[in-house]
Amino acid sequence: MKMLSRDHLDAVNDRPSKVLEVPEWEGAVYIRELSAGDRDTLDQHMIEQGDSESAHVTLRCKMVAMALVDHEGKRMYSDDEVAALSAKSNSAINHICKHVVEQNNLSPQKQDDLVGN
């Protein structure tokens, strides 16, 4: 078994992106796998905000903001710009969120909670 160095770990791209068609936006976007820190931030949000509907809407938009990247892998929306996504189509956000949940192997229960099923 090959032992990995810190330099190797820091250099490896272990957060793949994929193209996702978003019919509501009449085009496609890149979504990238969340980092461990992103996931921790989302979990902390749920702990702090509880199980309210507004907490779920904010969580979905935060998750989409963390996942949406440009062709160079740079986030399209910063944490401070999540409100801009909350003004977008609920259907589009649900569509993207569903794919982010699948891409990140989140539990089916978490997925249902996030997309309001």
PDB file of N, CA and C in Angstrom:
ATOM      1  N   MET A   1       0.838  -1.170   0.000  1.00  0.00           N
ATOM      2  CA  MET A   1       0.000   0.000   0.000  1.00  0.00           C
ATOM      3  C   MET A   1       0.889   1.242   0.000  1.00  0.00           C
ATOM      4  N   LYS A   2       0.537   2.195  -0.855  1.00  0.00           N
ATOM      5  CA  LYS A   2       1.303   3.438  -0.956  1.00  0.00           C
ATOM      6  C   LYS A   2       0.903   4.367   0.191  1.00  0.00           C
ATOM      7  N   MET A   3       1.888   4.876   0.913  1.00  0.00           N
ATOM      8  CA  MET A   3       1.642   5.855   1.969  1.00  0.00           C
ATOM      9  C   MET A   3       1.681   7.241   1.357  1.00  0.00           C
ATOM     10  N   LEU A   4       0.669   8.026   1.656  1.00  0.00           N
ATOM     11  CA  LEU A   4       0.538   9.347   1.060  1.00  0.00           C
ATOM     12  C   LEU A   4       1.147  10.417   1.951  1.00  0.00           C
ATOM     13  N   SER A   5       1.683  11.435   1.320  1.00  0.00           N
ATOM     14  CA  SER A   5       2.272  12.557   2.050  1.00  0.00           C
ATOM     15  C   SER A   5       1.249  13.687   2.166  1.00  0.00           C
ATOM     16  N   ARG A   6       1.525  14.608   3.030  1.00  0.00           N
ATOM     17  CA  ARG A   6       0.690  15.801   3.175  1.00  0.00           C
ATOM     18  C   ARG A   6       0.634  16.560   1.850  1.00  0.00           C
ATOM     19  N   ASP A   7       1.768  16.692   1.177  1.00  0.00           N
ATOM     20  CA  ASP A   7       1.812  17.393  -0.111  1.00  0.00           C
ATOM     21  C   ASP A   7       0.882  16.739  -1.122  1.00  0.00           C
ATOM     22  N   HIS A   8       0.864  15.412  -1.137  1.00  0.00           N
ATOM     23  CA  HIS A   8      -0.031  14.702  -2.053  1.00  0.00           C
ATOM     24  C   HIS A   8      -1.493  14.995  -1.705  1.00  0.00           C
ATOM     25  N   LEU A   9      -1.824  14.910  -0.421  1.00  0.00           N
ATOM     26  CA  LEU A   9      -3.203  15.160   0.005  1.00  0.00           C
ATOM     27  C   LEU A   9      -3.649  16.569  -0.348  1.00  0.00           C
ATOM     28  N   ASP A  10      -2.759  17.531  -0.131  1.00  0.00           N
ATOM     29  CA  ASP A  10      -3.097  18.921  -0.440  1.00  0.00           C
ATOM     30  C   ASP A  10      -3.268  19.154  -1.935  1.00  0.00           C
ATOM     31  N   ALA A  11      -2.551  18.386  -2.760  1.00  0.00           N
ATOM     32  CA  ALA A  11      -2.567  18.601  -4.202  1.00  0.00           C
ATOM     33  C   ALA A  11      -3.679  17.843  -4.926  1.00  0.00           C
ATOM     34  N   VAL A  12      -4.166  16.757  -4.360  1.00  0.00           N
ATOM     35  CA  VAL A  12      -5.135  15.924  -5.058  1.00  0.00           C
ATOM     36  C   VAL A  12      -6.497  16.636  -5.155  1.00  0.00           C
ATOM     37  N   ASN A  13      -7.109  16.536  -6.329  1.00  0.00           N
ATOM     38  CA  ASN A  13      -8.450  17.086  -6.516  1.00  0.00           C
ATOM     39  C   ASN A  13      -9.451  15.986  -6.183  1.00  0.00           C
ATOM     40  N   ASP A  14      -9.960  16.016  -4.966  1.00  0.00           N
ATOM     41  CA  ASP A  14     -10.886  14.971  -4.522  1.00  0.00           C
ATOM     42  C   ASP A  14     -12.325  15.475  -4.421  1.00  0.00           C
ATOM     43  N   ARG A  15     -12.594  16.605  -5.064  1.00  0.00           N
ATOM     44  CA  ARG A  15     -13.943  17.172  -5.083  1.00  0.00           C
ATOM     45  C   ARG A  15     -14.372  17.377  -6.528  1.00  0.00           C
ATOM     46  N   PRO A  16     -14.812  16.290  -7.168  1.00  0.00           N
ATOM     47  CA  PRO A  16     -15.158  16.392  -8.581  1.00  0.00           C
ATOM     48  C   PRO A  16     -16.373  17.287  -8.832  1.00  0.00           C
ATOM     49  N   SER A  17     -16.375  17.885 -10.002  1.00  0.00           N
ATOM     50  CA  SER A  17     -17.502  18.690 -10.469  1.00  0.00           C
ATOM     51  C   SER A  17     -18.220  17.928 -11.567  1.00  0.00           C
ATOM     52  N   LYS A  18     -19.482  18.242 -11.743  1.00  0.00           N
ATOM     53  CA  LYS A  18     -20.225  17.669 -12.859  1.00  0.00           C
ATOM     54  C   LYS A  18     -21.153  18.725 -13.425  1.00  0.00           C
ATOM     55  N   VAL A  19     -21.524  18.540 -14.670  1.00  0.00           N
ATOM     56  CA  VAL A  19     -22.455  19.443 -15.341  1.00  0.00           C
ATOM     57  C   VAL A  19     -23.873  18.991 -15.019  1.00  0.00           C
ATOM     58  N   LEU A  20     -24.708  19.950 -14.651  1.00  0.00           N
ATOM     59  CA  LEU A  20     -26.107  19.668 -14.345  1.00  0.00           C
ATOM     60  C   LEU A  20     -26.988  20.601 -15.153  1.00  0.00           C
ATOM     61  N   GLU A  21     -27.883  20.022 -15.928  1.00  0.00           N
ATOM     62  CA  GLU A  21     -28.844  20.829 -16.666  1.00  0.00           C
ATOM     63  C   GLU A  21     -29.918  21.320 -15.703  1.00  0.00           C
ATOM     64  N   VAL A  22     -30.232  22.610 -15.812  1.00  0.00           N
ATOM     65  CA  VAL A  22     -31.269  23.222 -14.975  1.00  0.00           C
ATOM     66  C   VAL A  22     -32.305  23.822 -15.922  1.00  0.00           C
ATOM     67  N   PRO A  23     -33.367  23.056 -16.226  1.00  0.00           N
ATOM     68  CA  PRO A  23     -34.356  23.520 -17.204  1.00  0.00           C
ATOM     69  C   PRO A  23     -34.979  24.868 -16.841  1.00  0.00           C
ATOM     70  N   GLU A  24     -35.172  25.107 -15.553  1.00  0.00           N
ATOM     71  CA  GLU A  24     -35.797  26.361 -15.117  1.00  0.00           C
ATOM     72  C   GLU A  24     -34.934  27.574 -15.463  1.00  0.00           C
ATOM     73  N   TRP A  25     -33.640  27.358 -15.603  1.00  0.00           N
ATOM     74  CA  TRP A  25     -32.711  28.439 -15.933  1.00  0.00           C
ATOM     75  C   TRP A  25     -32.273  28.380 -17.391  1.00  0.00           C
ATOM     76  N   GLU A  26     -32.844  27.457 -18.143  1.00  0.00           N
ATOM     77  CA  GLU A  26     -32.589  27.325 -19.578  1.00  0.00           C
ATOM     78  C   GLU A  26     -31.105  27.153 -19.898  1.00  0.00           C
ATOM     79  N   GLY A  27     -30.451  26.298 -19.119  1.00  0.00           N
ATOM     80  CA  GLY A  27     -29.038  26.035 -19.360  1.00  0.00           C
ATOM     81  C   GLY A  27     -28.507  25.028 -18.360  1.00  0.00           C
ATOM     82  N   ALA A  28     -27.195  25.026 -18.209  1.00  0.00           N
ATOM     83  CA  ALA A  28     -26.531  24.076 -17.325  1.00  0.00           C
ATOM     84  C   ALA A  28     -25.558  24.806 -16.408  1.00  0.00           C
ATOM     85  N   VAL A  29     -25.258  24.178 -15.285  1.00  0.00           N
ATOM     86  CA  VAL A  29     -24.300  24.704 -14.306  1.00  0.00           C
ATOM     87  C   VAL A  29     -23.356  23.582 -13.903  1.00  0.00           C
ATOM     88  N   TYR A  30     -22.250  23.961 -13.295  1.00  0.00           N
ATOM     89  CA  TYR A  30     -21.356  22.993 -12.669  1.00  0.00           C
ATOM     90  C   TYR A  30     -21.697  22.917 -11.188  1.00  0.00           C
ATOM     91  N   ILE A  31     -21.785  21.697 -10.670  1.00  0.00           N
ATOM     92  CA  ILE A  31     -21.892  21.521  -9.225  1.00  0.00           C
ATOM     93  C   ILE A  31     -20.708  20.677  -8.766  1.00  0.00           C
ATOM     94  N   ARG A  32     -20.152  21.046  -7.640  1.00  0.00           N
ATOM     95  CA  ARG A  32     -18.963  20.381  -7.122  1.00  0.00           C
ATOM     96  C   ARG A  32     -19.303  19.695  -5.806  1.00  0.00           C
ATOM     97  N   GLU A  33     -18.636  18.594  -5.559  1.00  0.00           N
ATOM     98  CA  GLU A  33     -18.797  17.883  -4.292  1.00  0.00           C
ATOM     99  C   GLU A  33     -18.437  18.824  -3.143  1.00  0.00           C
ATOM    100  N   LEU A  34     -19.198  18.737  -2.058  1.00  0.00           N
ATOM    101  CA  LEU A  34     -18.955  19.577  -0.894  1.00  0.00           C
ATOM    102  C   LEU A  34     -17.687  19.142  -0.173  1.00  0.00           C
ATOM    103  N   SER A  35     -17.054  20.082   0.485  1.00  0.00           N
ATOM    104  CA  SER A  35     -15.914  19.740   1.338  1.00  0.00           C
ATOM    105  C   SER A  35     -16.441  19.251   2.686  1.00  0.00           C
ATOM    106  N   ALA A  36     -15.575  18.644   3.466  1.00  0.00           N
ATOM    107  CA  ALA A  36     -15.955  18.225   4.812  1.00  0.00           C
ATOM    108  C   ALA A  36     -16.359  19.445   5.639  1.00  0.00           C
ATOM    109  N   GLY A  37     -15.651  20.552   5.446  1.00  0.00           N
ATOM    110  CA  GLY A  37     -15.996  21.786   6.163  1.00  0.00           C
ATOM    111  C   GLY A  37     -17.358  22.320   5.764  1.00  0.00           C
ATOM    112  N   ASP A  38     -17.692  22.231   4.458  1.00  0.00           N
ATOM    113  CA  ASP A  38     -19.026  22.637   4.003  1.00  0.00           C
ATOM    114  C   ASP A  38     -20.096  21.814   4.704  1.00  0.00           C
ATOM    115  N   ARG A  39     -19.890  20.513   4.746  1.00  0.00           N
ATOM    116  CA  ARG A  39     -20.871  19.621   5.378  1.00  0.00           C
ATOM    117  C   ARG A  39     -21.023  19.952   6.857  1.00  0.00           C
ATOM    118  N   ASP A  40     -19.917  20.202   7.538  1.00  0.00           N
ATOM    119  CA  ASP A  40     -19.981  20.570   8.948  1.00  0.00           C
ATOM    120  C   ASP A  40     -20.763  21.869   9.136  1.00  0.00           C
ATOM    121  N   THR A  41     -20.557  22.831   8.242  1.00  0.00           N
ATOM    122  CA  THR A  41     -21.287  24.100   8.307  1.00  0.00           C
ATOM    123  C   THR A  41     -22.788  23.878   8.152  1.00  0.00           C
ATOM    124  N   LEU A  42     -23.175  23.014   7.214  1.00  0.00           N
ATOM    125  CA  LEU A  42     -24.597  22.715   7.010  1.00  0.00           C
ATOM    126  C   LEU A  42     -25.199  22.016   8.227  1.00  0.00           C
ATOM    127  N   ASP A  43     -24.468  21.062   8.780  1.00  0.00           N
ATOM    128  CA  ASP A  43     -24.954  20.368   9.981  1.00  0.00           C
ATOM    129  C   ASP A  43     -25.113  21.338  11.141  1.00  0.00           C
ATOM    130  N   GLN A  44     -24.143  22.230  11.303  1.00  0.00           N
ATOM    131  CA  GLN A  44     -24.210  23.221  12.386  1.00  0.00           C
ATOM    132  C   GLN A  44     -25.405  24.144  12.187  1.00  0.00           C
ATOM    133  N   HIS A  45     -25.684  24.508  10.946  1.00  0.00           N
ATOM    134  CA  HIS A  45     -26.840  25.352  10.632  1.00  0.00           C
ATOM    135  C   HIS A  45     -28.130  24.680  11.106  1.00  0.00           C
ATOM    136  N   MET A  46     -28.275  23.398  10.828  1.00  0.00           N
ATOM    137  CA  MET A  46     -29.482  22.683  11.239  1.00  0.00           C
ATOM    138  C   MET A  46     -29.590  22.600  12.765  1.00  0.00           C
ATOM    139  N   ILE A  47     -28.470  22.421  13.423  1.00  0.00           N
ATOM    140  CA  ILE A  47     -28.488  22.370  14.886  1.00  0.00           C
ATOM    141  C   ILE A  47     -28.921  23.725  15.447  1.00  0.00           C
ATOM    142  N   GLU A  48     -28.366  24.791  14.904  1.00  0.00           N
ATOM    143  CA  GLU A  48     -28.657  26.138  15.406  1.00  0.00           C
ATOM    144  C   GLU A  48     -30.057  26.616  15.035  1.00  0.00           C
ATOM    145  N   GLN A  49     -30.511  26.294  13.834  1.00  0.00           N
ATOM    146  CA  GLN A  49     -31.784  26.810  13.334  1.00  0.00           C
ATOM    147  C   GLN A  49     -32.982  25.913  13.647  1.00  0.00           C
ATOM    148  N   GLY A  50     -32.729  24.680  13.997  1.00  0.00           N
ATOM    149  CA  GLY A  50     -33.829  23.769  14.287  1.00  0.00           C
ATOM    150  C   GLY A  50     -34.476  23.242  13.027  1.00  0.00           C
ATOM    151  N   ASP A  51     -35.696  22.775  13.163  1.00  0.00           N
ATOM    152  CA  ASP A  51     -36.385  22.064  12.082  1.00  0.00           C
ATOM    153  C   ASP A  51     -37.470  22.908  11.424  1.00  0.00           C
ATOM    154  N   SER A  52     -37.342  24.228  11.455  1.00  0.00           N
ATOM    155  CA  SER A  52     -38.360  25.091  10.867  1.00  0.00           C
ATOM    156  C   SER A  52     -38.267  25.093   9.350  1.00  0.00           C
ATOM    157  N   GLU A  53     -39.349  25.489   8.702  1.00  0.00           N
ATOM    158  CA  GLU A  53     -39.361  25.550   7.245  1.00  0.00           C
ATOM    159  C   GLU A  53     -38.344  26.570   6.739  1.00  0.00           C
ATOM    160  N   SER A  54     -38.233  27.704   7.411  1.00  0.00           N
ATOM    161  CA  SER A  54     -37.282  28.731   6.970  1.00  0.00           C
ATOM    162  C   SER A  54     -35.844  28.230   7.090  1.00  0.00           C
ATOM    163  N   ALA A  55     -35.568  27.395   8.096  1.00  0.00           N
ATOM    164  CA  ALA A  55     -34.221  26.822   8.250  1.00  0.00           C
ATOM    165  C   ALA A  55     -33.898  25.911   7.074  1.00  0.00           C
ATOM    166  N   HIS A  56     -34.900  25.164   6.595  1.00  0.00           N
ATOM    167  CA  HIS A  56     -34.684  24.267   5.459  1.00  0.00           C
ATOM    168  C   HIS A  56     -34.448  25.043   4.174  1.00  0.00           C
ATOM    169  N   VAL A  57     -35.203  26.141   3.983  1.00  0.00           N
ATOM    170  CA  VAL A  57     -35.016  26.968   2.784  1.00  0.00           C
ATOM    171  C   VAL A  57     -33.615  27.550   2.792  1.00  0.00           C
ATOM    172  N   THR A  58     -33.196  28.091   3.920  1.00  0.00           N
ATOM    173  CA  THR A  58     -31.854  28.662   4.026  1.00  0.00           C
ATOM    174  C   THR A  58     -30.798  27.592   3.813  1.00  0.00           C
ATOM    175  N   LEU A  59     -31.024  26.410   4.372  1.00  0.00           N
ATOM    176  CA  LEU A  59     -30.074  25.314   4.227  1.00  0.00           C
ATOM    177  C   LEU A  59     -29.928  24.913   2.765  1.00  0.00           C
ATOM    178  N   ARG A  60     -31.038  24.802   2.049  1.00  0.00           N
ATOM    179  CA  ARG A  60     -30.973  24.447   0.631  1.00  0.00           C
ATOM    180  C   ARG A  60     -30.164  25.469  -0.145  1.00  0.00           C
ATOM    181  N   CYS A  61     -30.427  26.741   0.099  1.00  0.00           N
ATOM    182  CA  CYS A  61     -29.711  27.798  -0.622  1.00  0.00           C
ATOM    183  C   CYS A  61     -28.230  27.823  -0.240  1.00  0.00           C
ATOM    184  N   LYS A  62     -27.914  27.584   1.028  1.00  0.00           N
ATOM    185  CA  LYS A  62     -26.512  27.500   1.449  1.00  0.00           C
ATOM    186  C   LYS A  62     -25.822  26.345   0.729  1.00  0.00           C
ATOM    187  N   MET A  63     -26.498  25.205   0.660  1.00  0.00           N
ATOM    188  CA  MET A  63     -25.917  24.034   0.017  1.00  0.00           C
ATOM    189  C   MET A  63     -25.682  24.296  -1.471  1.00  0.00           C
ATOM    190  N   VAL A  64     -26.643  24.888  -2.124  1.00  0.00           N
ATOM    191  CA  VAL A  64     -26.496  25.192  -3.542  1.00  0.00           C
ATOM    192  C   VAL A  64     -25.357  26.193  -3.747  1.00  0.00           C
ATOM    193  N   ALA A  65     -25.278  27.208  -2.892  1.00  0.00           N
ATOM    194  CA  ALA A  65     -24.192  28.189  -3.002  1.00  0.00           C
ATOM    195  C   ALA A  65     -22.827  27.528  -2.840  1.00  0.00           C
ATOM    196  N   MET A  66     -22.731  26.553  -1.948  1.00  0.00           N
ATOM    197  CA  MET A  66     -21.462  25.849  -1.738  1.00  0.00           C
ATOM    198  C   MET A  66     -21.093  24.976  -2.926  1.00  0.00           C
ATOM    199  N   ALA A  67     -22.086  24.491  -3.643  1.00  0.00           N
ATOM    200  CA  ALA A  67     -21.849  23.537  -4.725  1.00  0.00           C
ATOM    201  C   ALA A  67     -21.697  24.172  -6.101  1.00  0.00           C
ATOM    202  N   LEU A  68     -22.356  25.303  -6.350  1.00  0.00           N
ATOM    203  CA  LEU A  68     -22.294  25.933  -7.669  1.00  0.00           C
ATOM    204  C   LEU A  68     -20.918  26.534  -7.906  1.00  0.00           C
ATOM    205  N   VAL A  69     -20.259  26.097  -8.976  1.00  0.00           N
ATOM    206  CA  VAL A  69     -18.933  26.609  -9.319  1.00  0.00           C
ATOM    207  C   VAL A  69     -18.888  26.974 -10.800  1.00  0.00           C
ATOM    208  N   ASP A  70     -17.925  27.801 -11.142  1.00  0.00           N
ATOM    209  CA  ASP A  70     -17.740  28.145 -12.553  1.00  0.00           C
ATOM    210  C   ASP A  70     -16.844  27.095 -13.219  1.00  0.00           C
ATOM    211  N   HIS A  71     -16.500  27.326 -14.466  1.00  0.00           N
ATOM    212  CA  HIS A  71     -15.701  26.346 -15.223  1.00  0.00           C
ATOM    213  C   HIS A  71     -14.296  26.158 -14.648  1.00  0.00           C
ATOM    214  N   GLU A  72     -13.852  27.079 -13.786  1.00  0.00           N
ATOM    215  CA  GLU A  72     -12.537  26.946 -13.154  1.00  0.00           C
ATOM    216  C   GLU A  72     -12.626  26.349 -11.746  1.00  0.00           C
ATOM    217  N   GLY A  73     -13.859  26.035 -11.314  1.00  0.00           N
ATOM    218  CA  GLY A  73     -14.038  25.448  -9.989  1.00  0.00           C
ATOM    219  C   GLY A  73     -14.182  26.452  -8.868  1.00  0.00           C
ATOM    220  N   LYS A  74     -14.357  27.725  -9.202  1.00  0.00           N
ATOM    221  CA  LYS A  74     -14.531  28.774  -8.193  1.00  0.00           C
ATOM    222  C   LYS A  74     -16.016  28.943  -7.893  1.00  0.00           C
ATOM    223  N   ARG A  75     -16.317  29.099  -6.613  1.00  0.00           N
ATOM    224  CA  ARG A  75     -17.720  29.283  -6.233  1.00  0.00           C
ATOM    225  C   ARG A  75     -18.340  30.480  -6.942  1.00  0.00           C
ATOM    226  N   MET A  76     -19.584  30.298  -7.385  1.00  0.00           N
ATOM    227  CA  MET A  76     -20.304  31.374  -8.040  1.00  0.00           C
ATOM    228  C   MET A  76     -20.966  32.299  -7.021  1.00  0.00           C
ATOM    229  N   TYR A  77     -21.323  31.762  -5.852  1.00  0.00           N
ATOM    230  CA  TYR A  77     -21.976  32.526  -4.790  1.00  0.00           C
ATOM    231  C   TYR A  77     -21.227  32.322  -3.484  1.00  0.00           C
ATOM    232  N   SER A  78     -20.836  33.409  -2.848  1.00  0.00           N
ATOM    233  CA  SER A  78     -20.174  33.329  -1.551  1.00  0.00           C
ATOM    234  C   SER A  78     -21.225  33.120  -0.459  1.00  0.00           C
ATOM    235  N   ASP A  79     -20.765  32.868   0.744  1.00  0.00           N
ATOM    236  CA  ASP A  79     -21.694  32.726   1.868  1.00  0.00           C
ATOM    237  C   ASP A  79     -22.523  33.993   2.051  1.00  0.00           C
ATOM    238  N   ASP A  80     -21.945  35.133   1.749  1.00  0.00           N
ATOM    239  CA  ASP A  80     -22.657  36.408   1.895  1.00  0.00           C
ATOM    240  C   ASP A  80     -23.681  36.643   0.793  1.00  0.00           C
ATOM    241  N   GLU A  81     -23.668  35.821  -0.240  1.00  0.00           N
ATOM    242  CA  GLU A  81     -24.576  36.007  -1.375  1.00  0.00           C
ATOM    243  C   GLU A  81     -25.695  34.962  -1.444  1.00  0.00           C
ATOM    244  N   VAL A  82     -25.873  34.211  -0.380  1.00  0.00           N
ATOM    245  CA  VAL A  82     -26.902  33.167  -0.348  1.00  0.00           C
ATOM    246  C   VAL A  82     -28.294  33.756  -0.563  1.00  0.00           C
ATOM    247  N   ALA A  83     -28.529  34.967  -0.073  1.00  0.00           N
ATOM    248  CA  ALA A  83     -29.841  35.605  -0.232  1.00  0.00           C
ATOM    249  C   ALA A  83     -30.224  35.753  -1.696  1.00  0.00           C
ATOM    250  N   ALA A  84     -29.246  35.961  -2.564  1.00  0.00           N
ATOM    251  CA  ALA A  84     -29.543  36.078  -3.996  1.00  0.00           C
ATOM    252  C   ALA A  84     -30.139  34.777  -4.523  1.00  0.00           C
ATOM    253  N   LEU A  85     -29.661  33.644  -4.038  1.00  0.00           N
ATOM    254  CA  LEU A  85     -30.218  32.360  -4.463  1.00  0.00           C
ATOM    255  C   LEU A  85     -31.616  32.139  -3.897  1.00  0.00           C
ATOM    256  N   SER A  86     -31.885  32.665  -2.732  1.00  0.00           N
ATOM    257  CA  SER A  86     -33.207  32.461  -2.130  1.00  0.00           C
ATOM    258  C   SER A  86     -34.298  33.170  -2.928  1.00  0.00           C
ATOM    259  N   ALA A  87     -33.917  34.109  -3.782  1.00  0.00           N
ATOM    260  CA  ALA A  87     -34.884  34.798  -4.633  1.00  0.00           C
ATOM    261  C   ALA A  87     -35.128  34.053  -5.951  1.00  0.00           C
ATOM    262  N   LYS A  88     -34.370  32.988  -6.204  1.00  0.00           N
ATOM    263  CA  LYS A  88     -34.510  32.234  -7.439  1.00  0.00           C
ATOM    264  C   LYS A  88     -35.637  31.208  -7.323  1.00  0.00           C
ATOM    265  N   SER A  89     -35.935  30.579  -8.421  1.00  0.00           N
ATOM    266  CA  SER A  89     -37.015  29.599  -8.514  1.00  0.00           C
ATOM    267  C   SER A  89     -36.847  28.460  -7.505  1.00  0.00           C
ATOM    268  N   ASN A  90     -37.899  28.192  -6.754  1.00  0.00           N
ATOM    269  CA  ASN A  90     -37.885  27.076  -5.811  1.00  0.00           C
ATOM    270  C   ASN A  90     -37.639  25.762  -6.549  1.00  0.00           C
ATOM    271  N   SER A  91     -38.236  25.613  -7.722  1.00  0.00           N
ATOM    272  CA  SER A  91     -38.051  24.385  -8.500  1.00  0.00           C
ATOM    273  C   SER A  91     -36.591  24.205  -8.900  1.00  0.00           C
ATOM    274  N   ALA A  92     -35.949  25.282  -9.320  1.00  0.00           N
ATOM    275  CA  ALA A  92     -34.542  25.201  -9.723  1.00  0.00           C
ATOM    276  C   ALA A  92     -33.661  24.863  -8.525  1.00  0.00           C
ATOM    277  N   ILE A  93     -33.900  25.517  -7.399  1.00  0.00           N
ATOM    278  CA  ILE A  93     -33.104  25.251  -6.196  1.00  0.00           C
ATOM    279  C   ILE A  93     -33.320  23.814  -5.735  1.00  0.00           C
ATOM    280  N   ASN A  94     -34.566  23.341  -5.740  1.00  0.00           N
ATOM    281  CA  ASN A  94     -34.837  21.943  -5.367  1.00  0.00           C
ATOM    282  C   ASN A  94     -34.121  20.977  -6.300  1.00  0.00           C
ATOM    283  N   HIS A  95     -34.154  21.257  -7.588  1.00  0.00           N
ATOM    284  CA  HIS A  95     -33.510  20.398  -8.588  1.00  0.00           C
ATOM    285  C   HIS A  95     -32.010  20.301  -8.315  1.00  0.00           C
ATOM    286  N   ILE A  96     -31.368  21.438  -8.129  1.00  0.00           N
ATOM    287  CA  ILE A  96     -29.930  21.449  -7.866  1.00  0.00           C
ATOM    288  C   ILE A  96     -29.633  20.778  -6.536  1.00  0.00           C
ATOM    289  N   CYS A  97     -30.414  21.108  -5.522  1.00  0.00           N
ATOM    290  CA  CYS A  97     -30.198  20.543  -4.191  1.00  0.00           C
ATOM    291  C   CYS A  97     -30.294  19.023  -4.221  1.00  0.00           C
ATOM    292  N   LYS A  98     -31.267  18.489  -4.936  1.00  0.00           N
ATOM    293  CA  LYS A  98     -31.423  17.037  -5.047  1.00  0.00           C
ATOM    294  C   LYS A  98     -30.147  16.400  -5.597  1.00  0.00           C
ATOM    295  N   HIS A  99     -29.571  17.020  -6.614  1.00  0.00           N
ATOM    296  CA  HIS A  99     -28.352  16.471  -7.219  1.00  0.00           C
ATOM    297  C   HIS A  99     -27.141  16.644  -6.315  1.00  0.00           C
ATOM    298  N   VAL A 100     -27.080  17.732  -5.577  1.00  0.00           N
ATOM    299  CA  VAL A 100     -25.983  17.916  -4.622  1.00  0.00           C
ATOM    300  C   VAL A 100     -26.070  16.855  -3.528  1.00  0.00           C
ATOM    301  N   VAL A 101     -27.279  16.588  -3.050  1.00  0.00           N
ATOM    302  CA  VAL A 101     -27.482  15.554  -2.023  1.00  0.00           C
ATOM    303  C   VAL A 101     -27.018  14.201  -2.551  1.00  0.00           C
ATOM    304  N   GLU A 102     -27.410  13.862  -3.784  1.00  0.00           N
ATOM    305  CA  GLU A 102     -26.986  12.589  -4.382  1.00  0.00           C
ATOM    306  C   GLU A 102     -25.476  12.537  -4.576  1.00  0.00           C
ATOM    307  N   GLN A 103     -24.894  13.621  -5.078  1.00  0.00           N
ATOM    308  CA  GLN A 103     -23.460  13.666  -5.342  1.00  0.00           C
ATOM    309  C   GLN A 103     -22.647  13.499  -4.054  1.00  0.00           C
ATOM    310  N   ASN A 104     -23.208  13.928  -2.930  1.00  0.00           N
ATOM    311  CA  ASN A 104     -22.486  13.896  -1.659  1.00  0.00           C
ATOM    312  C   ASN A 104     -22.914  12.744  -0.751  1.00  0.00           C
ATOM    313  N   ASN A 105     -23.709  11.835  -1.290  1.00  0.00           N
ATOM    314  CA  ASN A 105     -24.130  10.645  -0.543  1.00  0.00           C
ATOM    315  C   ASN A 105     -24.761  10.972   0.803  1.00  0.00           C
ATOM    316  N   LEU A 106     -25.581  12.014   0.811  1.00  0.00           N
ATOM    317  CA  LEU A 106     -26.311  12.328   2.030  1.00  0.00           C
ATOM    318  C   LEU A 106     -27.444  11.321   2.189  1.00  0.00           C
ATOM    319  N   SER A 107     -27.899  11.128   3.382  1.00  0.00           N
ATOM    320  CA  SER A 107     -28.914  10.113   3.657  1.00  0.00           C
ATOM    321  C   SER A 107     -30.229  10.442   2.958  1.00  0.00           C
ATOM    322  N   PRO A 108     -31.023   9.416   2.627  1.00  0.00           N
ATOM    323  CA  PRO A 108     -32.337   9.678   2.021  1.00  0.00           C
ATOM    324  C   PRO A 108     -33.212  10.553   2.911  1.00  0.00           C
ATOM    325  N   GLN A 109     -33.139  10.373   4.225  1.00  0.00           N
ATOM    326  CA  GLN A 109     -33.933  11.206   5.139  1.00  0.00           C
ATOM    327  C   GLN A 109     -33.505  12.671   5.035  1.00  0.00           C
ATOM    328  N   LYS A 110     -32.207  12.905   4.996  1.00  0.00           N
ATOM    329  CA  LYS A 110     -31.689  14.271   4.868  1.00  0.00           C
ATOM    330  C   LYS A 110     -32.148  14.871   3.549  1.00  0.00           C
ATOM    331  N   GLN A 111     -32.125  14.062   2.474  1.00  0.00           N
ATOM    332  CA  GLN A 111     -32.567  14.550   1.176  1.00  0.00           C
ATOM    333  C   GLN A 111     -34.040  14.939   1.230  1.00  0.00           C
ATOM    334  N   ASP A 112     -34.876  14.092   1.810  1.00  0.00           N
ATOM    335  CA  ASP A 112     -36.300  14.406   1.930  1.00  0.00           C
ATOM    336  C   ASP A 112     -36.502  15.682   2.727  1.00  0.00           C
ATOM    337  N   ASP A 113     -35.747  15.838   3.808  1.00  0.00           N
ATOM    338  CA  ASP A 113     -35.863  17.036   4.628  1.00  0.00           C
ATOM    339  C   ASP A 113     -35.486  18.282   3.841  1.00  0.00           C
ATOM    340  N   LEU A 114     -34.429  18.197   3.037  1.00  0.00           N
ATOM    341  CA  LEU A 114     -33.921  19.345   2.318  1.00  0.00           C
ATOM    342  C   LEU A 114     -34.834  19.785   1.196  1.00  0.00           C
ATOM    343  N   VAL A 115     -35.415  18.841   0.470  1.00  0.00           N
ATOM    344  CA  VAL A 115     -36.256  19.216  -0.661  1.00  0.00           C
ATOM    345  C   VAL A 115     -37.731  19.234  -0.300  1.00  0.00           C
ATOM    346  N   GLY A 116     -38.051  19.071   0.967  1.00  0.00           N
ATOM    347  CA  GLY A 116     -39.408  19.244   1.429  1.00  0.00           C
ATOM    348  C   GLY A 116     -40.368  18.140   1.082  1.00  0.00           C
ATOM    349  N   ASN A 117     -39.889  16.921   0.907  1.00  0.00           N
ATOM    350  CA  ASN A 117     -40.774  15.799   0.602  1.00  0.00           C
ATOM    351  C   ASN A 117     -41.284  15.151   1.867  1.00  0.00           C
TER     352      ASN A 117
END
